[in-house]
Amino acid sequence: MPTPTRSGHVEASSLKKQRAKAVERAGVEPFVLYILRHTCITRWAKHVDPYTLHVIAGHTDMSTTKRCLHPSEADLREAMMKVWAQSGHTGQKAILDQPQGSPAIN
């Protein structure tokens, strides 16, 4: 539904005012709004293939999407365990069973 502005689009000044009011009401420290988008893309990366994530994000270049991806060591371990379990590999599992920070993992 178009907004009741001359252009039919939300004006930047309106967004700034609404955001400032919401931050104040929530009692949180002001933050860069873009962080929410970045965090969302990072979290969805565990569940969506990179190309689909790139399209969902609306990025024109895949390198932009890649800047949002920050898998944790736990995410990497989980992904590798899943791949090895699905492919029937068992030998490399021992590497992942080592404590975090072991030379074989870093």
N, C-alpha and C. Protein backbone atom coordinates (compact mmCIF):
# COMPACT_ATOMS: atom_id res chain seq x y z
N MET A 1 0.83 -1.16 0.00
CA MET A 1 0.00 0.00 0.00
C MET A 1 0.89 1.24 0.00
N PRO A 2 0.69 2.17 -0.92
CA PRO A 2 1.51 3.38 -0.97
C PRO A 2 1.34 4.22 0.28
N THR A 3 2.38 4.93 0.64
CA THR A 3 2.29 5.83 1.79
C THR A 3 1.63 7.13 1.36
N PRO A 4 1.08 7.89 2.29
CA PRO A 4 0.39 9.12 1.93
C PRO A 4 1.36 10.30 1.68
N THR A 5 2.41 10.04 0.94
CA THR A 5 3.35 11.10 0.57
C THR A 5 3.17 11.43 -0.90
N ARG A 6 3.76 12.51 -1.32
CA ARG A 6 3.64 12.91 -2.73
C ARG A 6 4.17 11.83 -3.68
N SER A 7 5.27 11.22 -3.28
CA SER A 7 5.89 10.20 -4.16
C SER A 7 5.25 8.83 -3.99
N GLY A 8 4.51 8.63 -2.89
CA GLY A 8 3.95 7.30 -2.62
C GLY A 8 4.94 6.38 -1.93
N HIS A 9 6.14 6.90 -1.64
CA HIS A 9 7.18 6.12 -0.97
C HIS A 9 7.41 6.68 0.42
N VAL A 10 7.98 5.89 1.28
CA VAL A 10 8.34 6.34 2.62
C VAL A 10 9.50 7.32 2.48
N GLU A 11 9.38 8.46 3.11
CA GLU A 11 10.44 9.46 3.08
C GLU A 11 11.52 9.13 4.10
N ALA A 12 12.76 9.41 3.76
CA ALA A 12 13.89 9.12 4.65
C ALA A 12 13.73 9.83 5.99
N SER A 13 13.25 11.05 5.96
CA SER A 13 13.10 11.80 7.22
C SER A 13 12.06 11.13 8.13
N SER A 14 11.03 10.56 7.55
CA SER A 14 10.02 9.86 8.35
C SER A 14 10.61 8.62 9.01
N LEU A 15 11.41 7.89 8.25
CA LEU A 15 12.05 6.69 8.81
C LEU A 15 12.97 7.05 9.96
N LYS A 16 13.74 8.13 9.79
CA LYS A 16 14.66 8.54 10.85
C LYS A 16 13.91 8.88 12.13
N LYS A 17 12.81 9.61 11.99
CA LYS A 17 12.02 9.99 13.16
C LYS A 17 11.40 8.76 13.83
N GLN A 18 10.85 7.85 13.03
CA GLN A 18 10.24 6.64 13.58
C GLN A 18 11.27 5.76 14.27
N ARG A 19 12.43 5.65 13.66
CA ARG A 19 13.50 4.84 14.23
C ARG A 19 13.96 5.43 15.56
N ALA A 20 14.17 6.75 15.61
CA ALA A 20 14.62 7.41 16.84
C ALA A 20 13.60 7.20 17.96
N LYS A 21 12.34 7.28 17.62
CA LYS A 21 11.27 7.09 18.61
C LYS A 21 11.27 5.63 19.11
N ALA A 22 11.44 4.69 18.21
CA ALA A 22 11.44 3.27 18.59
C ALA A 22 12.63 2.93 19.47
N VAL A 23 13.81 3.47 19.13
CA VAL A 23 15.01 3.22 19.93
C VAL A 23 14.83 3.79 21.33
N GLU A 24 14.28 5.00 21.40
CA GLU A 24 14.05 5.63 22.70
C GLU A 24 13.06 4.82 23.54
N ARG A 25 11.95 4.41 22.94
CA ARG A 25 10.94 3.63 23.66
C ARG A 25 11.47 2.28 24.13
N ALA A 26 12.32 1.67 23.30
CA ALA A 26 12.87 0.36 23.65
C ALA A 26 13.96 0.47 24.71
N GLY A 27 14.50 1.66 24.89
CA GLY A 27 15.54 1.85 25.89
C GLY A 27 16.86 1.20 25.52
N VAL A 28 17.13 1.09 24.22
CA VAL A 28 18.39 0.51 23.77
C VAL A 28 19.32 1.62 23.27
N GLU A 29 20.60 1.30 23.21
CA GLU A 29 21.57 2.24 22.67
C GLU A 29 21.31 2.41 21.17
N PRO A 30 21.44 3.61 20.65
CA PRO A 30 21.29 3.80 19.20
C PRO A 30 22.29 2.92 18.44
N PHE A 31 21.88 2.41 17.31
CA PHE A 31 22.74 1.55 16.50
C PHE A 31 22.47 1.82 15.03
N VAL A 32 23.39 1.40 14.20
CA VAL A 32 23.24 1.56 12.76
C VAL A 32 22.21 0.54 12.29
N LEU A 33 21.16 1.01 11.66
CA LEU A 33 20.06 0.14 11.26
C LEU A 33 20.51 -0.99 10.33
N TYR A 34 21.51 -0.73 9.52
CA TYR A 34 22.00 -1.73 8.58
C TYR A 34 22.48 -3.00 9.28
N ILE A 35 22.86 -2.88 10.54
CA ILE A 35 23.34 -4.05 11.30
C ILE A 35 22.28 -5.14 11.34
N LEU A 36 21.00 -4.77 11.40
CA LEU A 36 19.94 -5.78 11.44
C LEU A 36 19.93 -6.61 10.16
N ARG A 37 20.09 -5.96 9.02
CA ARG A 37 20.14 -6.66 7.72
C ARG A 37 21.35 -7.59 7.68
N HIS A 38 22.49 -7.07 8.10
CA HIS A 38 23.73 -7.83 8.10
C HIS A 38 23.60 -9.07 8.99
N THR A 39 23.04 -8.89 10.18
CA THR A 39 22.86 -10.00 11.11
C THR A 39 21.90 -11.04 10.54
N CYS A 40 20.83 -10.59 9.93
CA CYS A 40 19.86 -11.51 9.34
C CYS A 40 20.52 -12.38 8.27
N ILE A 41 21.27 -11.75 7.38
CA ILE A 41 21.94 -12.50 6.31
C ILE A 41 22.93 -13.49 6.90
N THR A 42 23.67 -13.06 7.91
CA THR A 42 24.64 -13.95 8.56
C THR A 42 23.94 -15.17 9.16
N ARG A 43 22.82 -14.96 9.84
CA ARG A 43 22.11 -16.07 10.48
C ARG A 43 21.43 -16.98 9.47
N TRP A 44 20.89 -16.43 8.41
CA TRP A 44 20.23 -17.25 7.39
C TRP A 44 21.24 -18.08 6.61
N ALA A 45 22.49 -17.68 6.60
CA ALA A 45 23.52 -18.39 5.83
C ALA A 45 23.63 -19.86 6.23
N LYS A 46 23.28 -20.18 7.48
CA LYS A 46 23.32 -21.58 7.94
C LYS A 46 22.26 -22.43 7.25
N HIS A 47 21.21 -21.79 6.74
CA HIS A 47 20.06 -22.52 6.26
C HIS A 47 19.78 -22.35 4.77
N VAL A 48 20.47 -21.42 4.12
CA VAL A 48 20.19 -21.10 2.73
C VAL A 48 21.49 -21.16 1.93
N ASP A 49 21.42 -21.72 0.73
CA ASP A 49 22.63 -21.77 -0.09
C ASP A 49 23.06 -20.35 -0.47
N PRO A 50 24.37 -20.14 -0.71
CA PRO A 50 24.89 -18.79 -0.96
C PRO A 50 24.21 -18.04 -2.11
N TYR A 51 23.93 -18.71 -3.21
CA TYR A 51 23.32 -18.01 -4.33
C TYR A 51 21.91 -17.52 -3.97
N THR A 52 21.12 -18.37 -3.34
CA THR A 52 19.77 -17.97 -2.94
C THR A 52 19.83 -16.83 -1.94
N LEU A 53 20.75 -16.89 -1.00
CA LEU A 53 20.92 -15.81 -0.03
C LEU A 53 21.27 -14.50 -0.74
N HIS A 54 22.13 -14.60 -1.74
CA HIS A 54 22.53 -13.44 -2.55
C HIS A 54 21.31 -12.80 -3.23
N VAL A 55 20.44 -13.63 -3.77
CA VAL A 55 19.24 -13.13 -4.44
C VAL A 55 18.28 -12.52 -3.42
N ILE A 56 18.06 -13.21 -2.30
CA ILE A 56 17.17 -12.70 -1.26
C ILE A 56 17.65 -11.33 -0.77
N ALA A 57 18.96 -11.20 -0.59
CA ALA A 57 19.53 -9.95 -0.08
C ALA A 57 19.42 -8.83 -1.11
N GLY A 58 19.27 -9.19 -2.39
CA GLY A 58 19.16 -8.17 -3.42
C GLY A 58 20.49 -7.55 -3.81
N HIS A 59 21.57 -8.24 -3.50
CA HIS A 59 22.88 -7.72 -3.86
C HIS A 59 23.15 -7.94 -5.35
N THR A 60 23.80 -6.99 -5.97
CA THR A 60 24.13 -7.14 -7.39
C THR A 60 25.42 -7.93 -7.58
N ASP A 61 26.24 -7.98 -6.56
CA ASP A 61 27.53 -8.67 -6.64
C ASP A 61 27.64 -9.65 -5.47
N MET A 62 28.06 -10.86 -5.75
CA MET A 62 28.19 -11.89 -4.73
C MET A 62 29.20 -11.49 -3.65
N SER A 63 30.18 -10.65 -4.00
CA SER A 63 31.18 -10.25 -3.01
C SER A 63 30.52 -9.43 -1.89
N THR A 64 29.45 -8.73 -2.20
CA THR A 64 28.72 -7.98 -1.17
C THR A 64 28.09 -8.95 -0.18
N THR A 65 27.48 -10.02 -0.69
CA THR A 65 26.87 -11.03 0.17
C THR A 65 27.95 -11.69 1.03
N LYS A 66 29.08 -11.98 0.45
CA LYS A 66 30.16 -12.66 1.19
C LYS A 66 30.65 -11.83 2.37
N ARG A 67 30.56 -10.51 2.28
CA ARG A 67 30.99 -9.66 3.39
C ARG A 67 30.07 -9.81 4.61
N CYS A 68 28.87 -10.32 4.40
CA CYS A 68 27.91 -10.50 5.50
C CYS A 68 28.04 -11.86 6.18
N LEU A 69 28.81 -12.74 5.62
CA LEU A 69 28.89 -14.11 6.13
C LEU A 69 30.04 -14.26 7.12
N HIS A 70 29.71 -14.62 8.34
CA HIS A 70 30.70 -14.80 9.39
C HIS A 70 30.41 -16.07 10.17
N PRO A 71 30.66 -17.24 9.56
CA PRO A 71 30.35 -18.48 10.30
C PRO A 71 31.29 -18.64 11.50
N SER A 72 30.72 -19.07 12.59
CA SER A 72 31.52 -19.33 13.79
C SER A 72 32.21 -20.68 13.64
N GLU A 73 33.15 -20.93 14.52
CA GLU A 73 33.83 -22.23 14.50
C GLU A 73 32.80 -23.35 14.73
N ALA A 74 31.84 -23.11 15.61
CA ALA A 74 30.80 -24.10 15.88
C ALA A 74 29.96 -24.36 14.63
N ASP A 75 29.64 -23.30 13.87
CA ASP A 75 28.89 -23.47 12.63
C ASP A 75 29.67 -24.30 11.62
N LEU A 76 30.98 -24.04 11.53
CA LEU A 76 31.82 -24.79 10.60
C LEU A 76 31.89 -26.26 10.99
N ARG A 77 32.04 -26.52 12.27
CA ARG A 77 32.07 -27.91 12.76
C ARG A 77 30.76 -28.62 12.43
N GLU A 78 29.65 -27.94 12.72
CA GLU A 78 28.33 -28.52 12.47
C GLU A 78 28.14 -28.83 10.99
N ALA A 79 28.56 -27.92 10.13
CA ALA A 79 28.41 -28.12 8.68
C ALA A 79 29.24 -29.32 8.22
N MET A 80 30.46 -29.41 8.72
CA MET A 80 31.32 -30.52 8.30
C MET A 80 30.79 -31.86 8.80
N MET A 81 30.28 -31.88 10.02
CA MET A 81 29.71 -33.12 10.56
C MET A 81 28.53 -33.57 9.70
N LYS A 82 27.71 -32.61 9.30
CA LYS A 82 26.54 -32.91 8.48
C LYS A 82 26.96 -33.48 7.13
N VAL A 83 27.94 -32.85 6.50
CA VAL A 83 28.43 -33.31 5.20
C VAL A 83 29.01 -34.72 5.32
N TRP A 84 29.85 -34.92 6.34
CA TRP A 84 30.47 -36.24 6.49
C TRP A 84 29.44 -37.31 6.81
N ALA A 85 28.45 -36.99 7.60
CA ALA A 85 27.41 -37.96 7.94
C ALA A 85 26.60 -38.33 6.70
N GLN A 86 26.28 -37.34 5.87
CA GLN A 86 25.47 -37.60 4.68
C GLN A 86 26.25 -38.33 3.60
N SER A 87 27.58 -38.13 3.57
CA SER A 87 28.37 -38.75 2.51
C SER A 87 28.95 -40.09 2.92
N GLY A 88 28.80 -40.45 4.19
CA GLY A 88 29.30 -41.74 4.65
C GLY A 88 30.75 -41.72 5.06
N HIS A 89 31.42 -40.57 5.02
CA HIS A 89 32.82 -40.48 5.45
C HIS A 89 32.88 -40.57 6.96
N THR A 90 33.91 -41.26 7.46
CA THR A 90 34.06 -41.37 8.90
C THR A 90 35.46 -40.98 9.36
N GLY A 91 36.45 -41.08 8.50
CA GLY A 91 37.84 -40.84 8.89
C GLY A 91 38.12 -39.44 9.37
N GLN A 92 37.59 -38.43 8.71
CA GLN A 92 37.88 -37.05 9.08
C GLN A 92 37.13 -36.60 10.33
N LYS A 93 36.16 -37.37 10.77
CA LYS A 93 35.38 -36.99 11.95
C LYS A 93 36.29 -36.81 13.17
N ALA A 94 37.37 -37.56 13.24
CA ALA A 94 38.28 -37.47 14.38
C ALA A 94 38.85 -36.06 14.52
N ILE A 95 39.07 -35.38 13.42
CA ILE A 95 39.59 -34.02 13.47
C ILE A 95 38.59 -33.11 14.18
N LEU A 96 37.33 -33.28 13.89
CA LEU A 96 36.32 -32.42 14.50
C LEU A 96 36.07 -32.77 15.96
N ASP A 97 36.42 -33.97 16.35
CA ASP A 97 36.22 -34.37 17.74
C ASP A 97 37.28 -33.80 18.66
N GLN A 98 38.34 -33.20 18.08
CA GLN A 98 39.39 -32.60 18.91
C GLN A 98 38.85 -31.34 19.57
N PRO A 99 39.43 -30.97 20.70
CA PRO A 99 38.99 -29.75 21.38
C PRO A 99 39.19 -28.53 20.49
N GLN A 100 38.34 -27.55 20.65
CA GLN A 100 38.49 -26.32 19.88
C GLN A 100 39.82 -25.69 20.23
N GLY A 101 40.46 -25.10 19.21
CA GLY A 101 41.76 -24.47 19.41
C GLY A 101 42.91 -25.42 19.14
N SER A 102 42.62 -26.70 18.82
CA SER A 102 43.68 -27.65 18.50
C SER A 102 44.33 -27.26 17.19
N PRO A 103 45.62 -27.54 17.03
CA PRO A 103 46.31 -27.17 15.78
C PRO A 103 45.66 -27.74 14.53
N ALA A 104 45.03 -28.90 14.61
CA ALA A 104 44.43 -29.52 13.42
C ALA A 104 43.21 -28.74 12.94
N ILE A 105 42.61 -27.95 13.82
CA ILE A 105 41.40 -27.22 13.46
C ILE A 105 41.72 -25.81 12.99
N ASN A 106 42.72 -25.20 13.58
CA ASN A 106 43.05 -23.81 13.25
C ASN A 106 43.83 -23.67 12.00
